[in-house]
């Protein structure tokens, strides 16, 4: 099977840089804690675009700030 690389989520890094807690992100983005943890720990299998948009909005960042494609 061909290796197409992977997407790395860097939400924890942005949270730390901006000094925003997971609790604040969870509440302001209206996310469940388990869902947020899945995104923060790179355990999510399918990205939900609405969730990504909420995270970017609350963190006041661009999508490339929280995601990286690695070959």
C-alpha atoms as a PDB file:
ATOM      1  CA  UNK A   1       0.000   0.000   0.000  1.00  0.00           C
ATOM      2  CA  UNK A   2       1.301   3.436  -0.940  1.00  0.00           C
ATOM      3  CA  UNK A   3       2.167   5.870   1.853  1.00  0.00           C
ATOM      4  CA  UNK A   4       0.369   9.149   1.196  1.00  0.00           C
ATOM      5  CA  UNK A   5       1.728  10.873   4.291  1.00  0.00           C
ATOM      6  CA  UNK A   6      -0.418  12.165   7.121  1.00  0.00           C
ATOM      7  CA  UNK A   7      -2.025  15.248   8.599  1.00  0.00           C
ATOM      8  CA  UNK A   8      -0.674  16.374  11.967  1.00  0.00           C
ATOM      9  CA  UNK A   9      -2.903  18.528  14.153  1.00  0.00           C
ATOM     10  CA  UNK A  10      -1.027  21.130  16.177  1.00  0.00           C
ATOM     11  CA  UNK A  11      -3.869  22.457  18.313  1.00  0.00           C
ATOM     12  CA  UNK A  12      -2.003  21.948  21.594  1.00  0.00           C
ATOM     13  CA  UNK A  13       0.909  24.036  20.285  1.00  0.00           C
ATOM     14  CA  UNK A  14      -1.383  26.915  19.335  1.00  0.00           C
ATOM     15  CA  UNK A  15      -3.197  26.710  22.673  1.00  0.00           C
ATOM     16  CA  UNK A  16       0.132  27.010  24.464  1.00  0.00           C
ATOM     17  CA  UNK A  17       1.374  29.860  22.244  1.00  0.00           C
ATOM     18  CA  UNK A  18      -1.811  31.858  22.771  1.00  0.00           C
ATOM     19  CA  UNK A  19      -2.104  30.885  26.428  1.00  0.00           C
ATOM     20  CA  UNK A  20      -5.638  29.561  25.971  1.00  0.00           C
ATOM     21  CA  UNK A  21      -6.862  26.626  28.032  1.00  0.00           C
ATOM     22  CA  UNK A  22      -8.595  23.576  26.621  1.00  0.00           C
ATOM     23  CA  UNK A  23     -11.552  24.461  28.849  1.00  0.00           C
ATOM     24  CA  UNK A  24     -11.898  27.877  27.228  1.00  0.00           C
ATOM     25  CA  UNK A  25     -11.615  26.423  23.717  1.00  0.00           C
ATOM     26  CA  UNK A  26     -14.111  23.692  24.578  1.00  0.00           C
ATOM     27  CA  UNK A  27     -16.676  26.191  25.883  1.00  0.00           C
ATOM     28  CA  UNK A  28     -16.240  28.924  23.281  1.00  0.00           C
ATOM     29  CA  UNK A  29     -16.222  26.484  20.349  1.00  0.00           C
ATOM     30  CA  UNK A  30     -19.081  24.452  21.846  1.00  0.00           C
ATOM     31  CA  UNK A  31     -17.135  21.178  21.634  1.00  0.00           C
ATOM     32  CA  UNK A  32     -17.291  18.074  23.788  1.00  0.00           C
ATOM     33  CA  UNK A  33     -14.155  17.385  25.822  1.00  0.00           C
ATOM     34  CA  UNK A  34     -13.680  13.921  24.278  1.00  0.00           C
ATOM     35  CA  UNK A  35     -13.954  15.409  20.797  1.00  0.00           C
ATOM     36  CA  UNK A  36     -11.431  18.142  21.601  1.00  0.00           C
ATOM     37  CA  UNK A  37      -9.040  15.613  23.147  1.00  0.00           C
ATOM     38  CA  UNK A  38      -9.240  13.489  19.991  1.00  0.00           C
ATOM     39  CA  UNK A  39      -8.223  16.497  17.907  1.00  0.00           C
ATOM     40  CA  UNK A  40      -5.481  17.566  20.328  1.00  0.00           C
ATOM     41  CA  UNK A  41      -4.040  14.032  20.527  1.00  0.00           C
ATOM     42  CA  UNK A  42      -4.207  13.361  16.766  1.00  0.00           C
ATOM     43  CA  UNK A  43      -6.627  10.484  17.330  1.00  0.00           C
ATOM     44  CA  UNK A  44      -9.375  11.751  15.024  1.00  0.00           C
ATOM     45  CA  UNK A  45      -9.892   9.651  11.877  1.00  0.00           C
ATOM     46  CA  UNK A  46     -12.123  12.042   9.932  1.00  0.00           C
ATOM     47  CA  UNK A  47     -11.902  15.786  10.228  1.00  0.00           C
ATOM     48  CA  UNK A  48     -15.135  17.701  10.642  1.00  0.00           C
ATOM     49  CA  UNK A  49     -14.836  21.010   8.792  1.00  0.00           C
ATOM     50  CA  UNK A  50     -17.278  22.776  11.118  1.00  0.00           C
ATOM     51  CA  UNK A  51     -15.173  21.707  14.109  1.00  0.00           C
ATOM     52  CA  UNK A  52     -11.984  22.915  12.402  1.00  0.00           C
ATOM     53  CA  UNK A  53     -13.674  26.247  11.602  1.00  0.00           C
ATOM     54  CA  UNK A  54     -14.797  26.653  15.228  1.00  0.00           C
ATOM     55  CA  UNK A  55     -11.289  25.930  16.509  1.00  0.00           C
ATOM     56  CA  UNK A  56      -9.721  28.415  14.075  1.00  0.00           C
ATOM     57  CA  UNK A  57     -12.297  31.055  15.007  1.00  0.00           C
ATOM     58  CA  UNK A  58     -11.786  30.727  18.756  1.00  0.00           C
ATOM     59  CA  UNK A  59      -7.995  30.542  18.440  1.00  0.00           C
ATOM     60  CA  UNK A  60      -8.021  33.431  15.932  1.00  0.00           C
ATOM     61  CA  UNK A  61      -5.722  31.529  13.603  1.00  0.00           C
ATOM     62  CA  UNK A  62      -5.492  30.176  10.084  1.00  0.00           C
ATOM     63  CA  UNK A  63      -6.051  26.522   9.237  1.00  0.00           C
ATOM     64  CA  UNK A  64      -2.341  26.051   8.465  1.00  0.00           C
ATOM     65  CA  UNK A  65      -1.554  27.123  12.034  1.00  0.00           C
ATOM     66  CA  UNK A  66      -3.296  24.035  13.435  1.00  0.00           C
ATOM     67  CA  UNK A  67      -2.611  21.488  10.666  1.00  0.00           C
ATOM     68  CA  UNK A  68       0.449  20.236   8.842  1.00  0.00           C
ATOM     69  CA  UNK A  69       0.825  17.732   6.018  1.00  0.00           C
ATOM     70  CA  UNK A  70       3.823  15.424   6.490  1.00  0.00           C
ATOM     71  CA  UNK A  71       5.028  13.158   3.668  1.00  0.00           C
END
